[in-house]
N, C-alpha and C. Protein backbone atom coordinates (compact mmCIF):
# COMPACT_ATOMS: atom_id res chain seq x y z
N MET A 1 -28.97 25.60 54.25
CA MET A 1 -29.47 26.34 55.90
C MET A 1 -28.16 27.68 55.33
N ASN A 2 -29.09 28.86 55.33
CA ASN A 2 -28.48 29.88 55.27
C ASN A 2 -27.41 30.73 56.03
N ILE A 3 -26.48 30.23 56.52
CA ILE A 3 -25.97 30.99 57.71
C ILE A 3 -26.36 32.33 58.26
N GLU A 4 -25.84 33.26 56.95
CA GLU A 4 -25.52 34.01 56.69
C GLU A 4 -27.51 34.94 57.39
N GLU A 5 -28.15 34.81 56.83
CA GLU A 5 -29.76 34.99 57.11
C GLU A 5 -29.82 34.51 58.82
N ILE A 6 -29.89 33.26 58.85
CA ILE A 6 -29.84 32.76 59.94
C ILE A 6 -29.11 33.93 61.38
N ASN A 7 -27.58 34.29 61.31
CA ASN A 7 -27.19 35.53 61.72
C ASN A 7 -28.35 36.52 61.69
N ARG A 8 -28.65 37.22 60.50
CA ARG A 8 -29.04 37.92 61.00
C ARG A 8 -30.19 38.33 61.41
N LYS A 9 -30.84 37.44 61.21
CA LYS A 9 -32.64 36.99 61.75
C LYS A 9 -32.28 37.28 63.49
N HIS A 10 -30.75 36.33 64.12
CA HIS A 10 -30.38 36.31 65.50
C HIS A 10 -30.30 37.69 66.13
N TYR A 11 -28.92 38.53 64.83
CA TYR A 11 -28.84 39.75 65.62
C TYR A 11 -30.40 40.89 65.54
N ILE A 12 -31.14 40.44 64.63
CA ILE A 12 -31.86 41.57 64.35
C ILE A 12 -33.00 41.47 66.11
N THR A 13 -33.25 39.94 66.22
CA THR A 13 -33.74 39.08 67.54
C THR A 13 -33.60 39.48 68.75
N GLN A 14 -32.72 38.23 68.34
CA GLN A 14 -31.96 38.44 70.04
C GLN A 14 -30.73 39.36 70.20
N ASP A 15 -30.37 38.69 69.31
CA ASP A 15 -28.04 39.68 70.01
C ASP A 15 -28.24 40.52 70.02
N ILE A 16 -28.80 42.05 69.89
CA ILE A 16 -28.60 43.20 71.07
C ILE A 16 -29.26 43.09 71.57
N TYR A 17 -30.56 42.61 72.35
CA TYR A 17 -30.95 42.03 73.29
C TYR A 17 -29.60 42.20 74.36
N TYR A 18 -28.81 40.76 73.90
CA TYR A 18 -27.72 39.53 74.43
C TYR A 18 -27.17 40.88 74.34
N ARG A 19 -26.64 41.65 73.95
CA ARG A 19 -24.91 42.57 74.18
C ARG A 19 -25.52 44.04 75.23
N VAL A 20 -26.52 44.17 74.55
CA VAL A 20 -26.81 45.05 75.39
C VAL A 20 -27.52 45.07 76.33
N GLY A 21 -27.51 44.02 77.26
CA GLY A 21 -28.31 43.91 78.18
C GLY A 21 -27.28 43.37 79.20
N TYR A 22 -26.53 41.87 78.31
CA TYR A 22 -26.07 41.27 79.45
C TYR A 22 -24.32 41.14 78.77
N GLY A 23 -24.35 42.20 77.81
CA GLY A 23 -22.02 41.77 77.51
C GLY A 23 -21.61 40.74 76.80
N LEU A 24 -22.64 40.05 75.75
CA LEU A 24 -22.79 39.23 75.18
C LEU A 24 -23.16 38.44 73.76
N SER A 25 -22.13 38.17 73.64
CA SER A 25 -22.77 38.63 71.56
C SER A 25 -22.47 37.27 70.34
N SER A 26 -23.09 36.82 69.91
CA SER A 26 -22.66 34.77 69.57
C SER A 26 -23.05 35.45 67.57
N LYS A 27 -22.10 34.49 67.01
CA LYS A 27 -23.32 34.34 66.27
C LYS A 27 -22.61 32.43 65.30
N LEU A 28 -23.24 32.12 64.64
CA LEU A 28 -23.32 31.12 64.44
C LEU A 28 -22.50 30.48 62.88
N LEU A 29 -21.59 29.47 62.83
CA LEU A 29 -20.42 29.62 62.54
C LEU A 29 -20.85 28.28 61.28
N ARG A 30 -21.73 26.87 61.92
CA ARG A 30 -22.21 26.00 61.12
C ARG A 30 -23.08 25.05 62.06
N PHE A 31 -23.52 24.08 61.56
CA PHE A 31 -24.64 23.80 62.09
C PHE A 31 -24.79 22.07 61.39
N GLU A 32 -24.36 20.47 62.37
CA GLU A 32 -23.60 19.71 61.20
C GLU A 32 -23.89 19.26 62.08
N LYS A 33 -24.80 17.49 61.67
CA LYS A 33 -24.76 16.56 62.17
C LYS A 33 -25.34 16.82 63.84
N GLY A 34 -26.50 17.53 63.67
CA GLY A 34 -27.34 18.22 65.54
C GLY A 34 -26.41 18.62 66.33
N ILE A 35 -25.60 19.51 65.78
CA ILE A 35 -24.62 19.91 66.90
C ILE A 35 -24.30 21.64 65.99
N ILE A 36 -24.46 22.10 67.36
CA ILE A 36 -24.59 23.77 66.90
C ILE A 36 -23.09 24.15 67.36
N TYR A 37 -22.15 25.22 66.26
CA TYR A 37 -21.19 25.77 66.41
C TYR A 37 -21.40 27.12 66.76
N LEU A 38 -20.92 27.63 67.29
CA LEU A 38 -20.93 29.04 67.78
C LEU A 38 -20.44 29.41 67.78
N GLU A 39 -19.42 31.45 68.12
CA GLU A 39 -18.93 32.04 68.36
C GLU A 39 -19.22 33.23 69.43
N MET A 40 -18.46 32.80 70.35
CA MET A 40 -19.62 34.45 71.51
C MET A 40 -18.59 35.19 72.18
N GLU A 41 -19.34 35.95 71.62
CA GLU A 41 -17.36 37.40 73.21
C GLU A 41 -18.43 37.64 73.86
N VAL A 42 -17.56 37.03 74.93
CA VAL A 42 -17.54 38.50 76.20
C VAL A 42 -17.63 39.38 76.26
N ARG A 43 -18.22 40.54 76.83
CA ARG A 43 -17.62 41.83 77.28
C ARG A 43 -18.26 42.45 78.33
N ARG A 44 -17.53 43.76 78.55
CA ARG A 44 -17.49 44.50 80.19
C ARG A 44 -18.56 43.82 81.09
N LYS A 45 -20.10 43.37 79.98
CA LYS A 45 -20.55 44.01 81.37
C LYS A 45 -20.73 42.15 82.19
N TRP A 46 -20.84 41.38 80.79
CA TRP A 46 -20.83 40.11 81.68
C TRP A 46 -19.71 39.49 82.82
N GLU A 47 -20.29 39.17 83.82
CA GLU A 47 -20.29 39.02 85.11
C GLU A 47 -19.45 37.50 86.08
N LYS A 48 -20.70 36.42 85.32
CA LYS A 48 -20.07 34.77 85.28
C LYS A 48 -19.24 34.75 84.53
N SER A 49 -19.08 33.64 84.57
CA SER A 49 -18.38 32.46 83.91
C SER A 49 -18.38 31.82 82.81
N TYR A 50 -17.47 31.64 81.58
CA TYR A 50 -18.18 30.87 80.75
C TYR A 50 -19.06 30.39 80.57
N ASN A 51 -18.49 29.33 81.76
CA ASN A 51 -19.73 27.96 81.34
C ASN A 51 -21.28 28.57 81.37
N ALA A 52 -21.27 29.76 82.53
CA ALA A 52 -22.49 30.61 82.63
C ALA A 52 -22.79 30.76 80.82
N ALA A 53 -22.21 31.46 81.00
CA ALA A 53 -22.73 32.50 79.01
C ALA A 53 -22.64 31.23 78.28
N VAL A 54 -21.88 29.94 78.05
CA VAL A 54 -22.12 29.30 76.72
C VAL A 54 -23.64 28.37 77.48
N TYR A 55 -23.99 28.36 78.76
CA TYR A 55 -25.24 28.25 78.95
C TYR A 55 -26.54 28.51 78.53
N GLU A 56 -26.04 30.19 78.15
CA GLU A 56 -27.53 30.51 78.35
C GLU A 56 -26.90 30.76 76.49
N ILE A 57 -26.33 31.33 76.08
CA ILE A 57 -26.35 31.12 74.64
C ILE A 57 -26.62 30.43 73.87
N SER A 58 -25.80 29.07 74.18
CA SER A 58 -26.79 27.89 73.52
C SER A 58 -27.86 27.60 73.58
N HIS A 59 -28.79 27.74 74.87
CA HIS A 59 -30.12 27.46 74.90
C HIS A 59 -30.78 28.71 74.36
N CYS A 60 -30.09 30.30 74.59
CA CYS A 60 -31.02 31.24 73.49
C CYS A 60 -31.09 30.71 72.16
N TRP A 61 -29.76 29.90 71.13
CA TRP A 61 -30.10 29.31 70.27
C TRP A 61 -31.00 28.62 69.45
N LYS A 62 -30.78 27.59 70.66
CA LYS A 62 -32.25 26.03 70.72
C LYS A 62 -33.41 26.63 70.71
N LYS A 63 -34.14 27.67 71.77
CA LYS A 63 -35.42 27.97 71.94
C LYS A 63 -35.37 29.05 70.77
N GLU A 64 -34.82 29.83 70.10
CA GLU A 64 -34.97 30.90 69.14
C GLU A 64 -35.38 30.71 68.23
N HIS A 65 -34.70 29.36 67.59
CA HIS A 65 -34.06 29.07 66.36
C HIS A 65 -34.96 27.89 66.06
N PRO A 66 -36.09 27.33 65.53
CA PRO A 66 -36.80 26.78 64.92
C PRO A 66 -35.92 25.33 64.57
N GLU A 67 -34.59 26.03 63.59
CA GLU A 67 -33.69 25.60 62.16
C GLU A 67 -33.06 24.26 63.77
N PHE A 68 -33.16 24.39 64.76
CA PHE A 68 -32.19 23.89 65.53
C PHE A 68 -32.76 22.80 66.69
N GLN A 69 -33.78 22.68 66.42
CA GLN A 69 -35.57 22.19 67.78
C GLN A 69 -35.13 20.93 67.93
N ASN A 70 -33.43 20.60 66.49
CA ASN A 70 -33.47 18.73 67.05
C ASN A 70 -32.17 18.64 67.30
N ALA A 71 -31.53 19.84 67.39
CA ALA A 71 -29.81 19.87 68.34
C ALA A 71 -29.73 19.40 69.27
N VAL A 72 -28.42 18.49 69.07
CA VAL A 72 -28.39 17.33 70.35
C VAL A 72 -27.55 18.43 71.05
N ALA A 73 -26.65 19.08 71.20
CA ALA A 73 -24.65 19.74 71.41
C ALA A 73 -24.97 21.04 70.22
N CYS A 74 -24.18 21.53 71.65
CA CYS A 74 -23.34 22.70 71.03
C CYS A 74 -22.05 23.54 71.25
N LYS A 75 -21.44 23.89 69.85
CA LYS A 75 -20.03 23.34 71.49
C LYS A 75 -19.49 25.40 70.50
N VAL A 76 -19.62 26.39 71.92
CA VAL A 76 -19.25 27.08 71.49
C VAL A 76 -17.71 27.72 71.71
N TYR A 77 -17.14 28.84 70.83
CA TYR A 77 -15.62 29.38 71.04
C TYR A 77 -16.18 31.19 71.72
N VAL A 78 -15.53 30.98 72.60
CA VAL A 78 -15.25 32.23 72.89
C VAL A 78 -13.79 33.55 72.73
N ILE A 79 -14.44 34.09 72.35
CA ILE A 79 -13.42 35.50 72.44
C ILE A 79 -13.82 36.09 73.85
N ASP A 80 -12.94 36.68 74.33
CA ASP A 80 -13.07 37.17 75.48
C ASP A 80 -11.88 38.92 75.50
N SER A 81 -13.19 39.98 75.06
CA SER A 81 -13.55 40.44 74.38
C SER A 81 -12.87 41.62 76.67
N LYS A 82 -14.08 41.26 77.14
CA LYS A 82 -13.48 42.08 78.56
C LYS A 82 -11.70 42.27 79.35
N LYS A 83 -11.43 40.57 79.13
CA LYS A 83 -10.34 40.33 79.63
C LYS A 83 -9.33 41.13 78.76
N TYR A 84 -9.48 40.83 77.54
CA TYR A 84 -8.17 40.84 75.73
C TYR A 84 -9.06 42.26 75.08
N PRO A 85 -8.85 43.31 76.26
CA PRO A 85 -9.86 44.59 74.80
C PRO A 85 -9.50 44.88 73.67
N TYR A 86 -8.01 44.39 73.49
CA TYR A 86 -7.96 44.72 71.76
C TYR A 86 -8.09 44.08 70.88
N LYS A 87 -8.72 42.62 71.98
CA LYS A 87 -9.49 41.64 70.02
C LYS A 87 -10.98 42.63 69.66
N ARG A 88 -11.27 43.10 71.22
CA ARG A 88 -12.80 44.40 70.22
C ARG A 88 -12.18 45.09 68.93
N THR A 89 -11.07 45.69 69.61
CA THR A 89 -10.39 46.52 67.85
C THR A 89 -10.12 45.52 66.48
N LEU A 90 -9.73 44.19 67.20
CA LEU A 90 -9.23 43.21 65.91
C LEU A 90 -9.99 43.07 65.00
N MET A 91 -11.30 42.96 65.34
CA MET A 91 -12.77 42.87 65.35
C MET A 91 -13.35 43.41 63.71
N HIS A 92 -13.09 44.97 64.75
CA HIS A 92 -13.42 45.76 63.80
C HIS A 92 -12.93 45.10 62.75
N LEU A 93 -11.68 45.31 63.02
CA LEU A 93 -10.68 45.72 61.80
C LEU A 93 -10.93 44.54 60.85
N GLY A 94 -11.78 43.24 61.23
CA GLY A 94 -11.87 41.86 60.38
C GLY A 94 -11.07 41.02 60.72
N ILE A 95 -10.41 41.04 61.79
CA ILE A 95 -9.52 40.55 61.74
C ILE A 95 -9.62 39.30 63.03
N LYS A 96 -9.36 38.35 62.84
CA LYS A 96 -10.91 36.95 63.36
C LYS A 96 -9.30 36.85 65.37
N PRO A 97 -9.63 37.08 66.00
CA PRO A 97 -8.87 37.23 67.39
C PRO A 97 -8.58 35.33 67.46
N GLY A 98 -7.57 34.88 68.33
CA GLY A 98 -7.83 33.75 69.49
C GLY A 98 -8.73 33.55 70.02
N TYR A 99 -9.18 32.41 70.20
CA TYR A 99 -10.23 32.15 71.16
C TYR A 99 -9.28 31.76 72.37
N ASP A 100 -10.63 32.49 73.46
CA ASP A 100 -9.84 32.06 74.92
C ASP A 100 -10.42 31.41 75.44
N GLY A 101 -10.93 29.93 74.29
CA GLY A 101 -12.15 29.13 75.21
C GLY A 101 -12.98 28.23 74.05
N VAL A 102 -12.49 27.58 74.56
CA VAL A 102 -14.04 26.59 74.05
C VAL A 102 -14.57 25.34 74.59
N LYS A 103 -16.13 25.78 74.58
CA LYS A 103 -16.40 24.80 75.32
C LYS A 103 -18.22 24.31 75.08
N GLY A 104 -18.54 22.96 75.47
CA GLY A 104 -19.27 22.60 75.09
C GLY A 104 -20.54 22.10 76.13
N ILE A 105 -22.13 21.66 75.48
CA ILE A 105 -22.54 21.78 76.18
C ILE A 105 -24.12 20.10 75.30
N LEU A 106 -24.37 19.49 76.37
CA LEU A 106 -25.46 18.32 75.37
C LEU A 106 -26.66 18.46 76.17
N TYR A 107 -28.27 19.08 74.93
CA TYR A 107 -28.69 19.23 75.46
C TYR A 107 -29.56 18.32 76.18
N ASP A 108 -30.28 18.62 76.70
CA ASP A 108 -31.48 17.65 77.55
C ASP A 108 -32.57 17.13 76.69
N SER A 109 -32.05 16.55 76.21
CA SER A 109 -33.89 15.70 75.23
C SER A 109 -35.46 15.94 75.22
N LYS A 110 -35.44 16.21 77.38
CA LYS A 110 -37.11 16.14 77.81
C LYS A 110 -37.42 17.17 77.43
N LYS A 111 -36.29 18.57 77.60
CA LYS A 111 -36.65 19.82 78.50
C LYS A 111 -37.46 20.57 76.66
N PHE A 112 -37.01 19.95 75.96
CA PHE A 112 -36.89 20.58 74.42
C PHE A 112 -38.10 19.61 73.44
N GLY A 113 -38.11 19.02 73.85
CA GLY A 113 -38.91 17.39 72.87
C GLY A 113 -37.61 17.00 71.96
């Protein structure tokens, strides 16, 4: 599985929409044993909780990428640049800021087949 290629595809087809429309951005870190590992940035426009953001992003990845049709769960590492604006600057400089939360979700097998 080519992580860079999947991230590039996601950026072009989904991430731009989520960045502009909702203030969420995400990228794939890895996929192991049926679990999708994502890094998600919460930006200024997002007004809901981390839980709502994780639900939205994790289901987007599951639904939009055939590679993950058999995924059973998703673990999301949250970077909150809305609450901590300096983290956006660090990311632009290529420095990985610390995570502000880690959330997980189990997919409903009936919903996704």
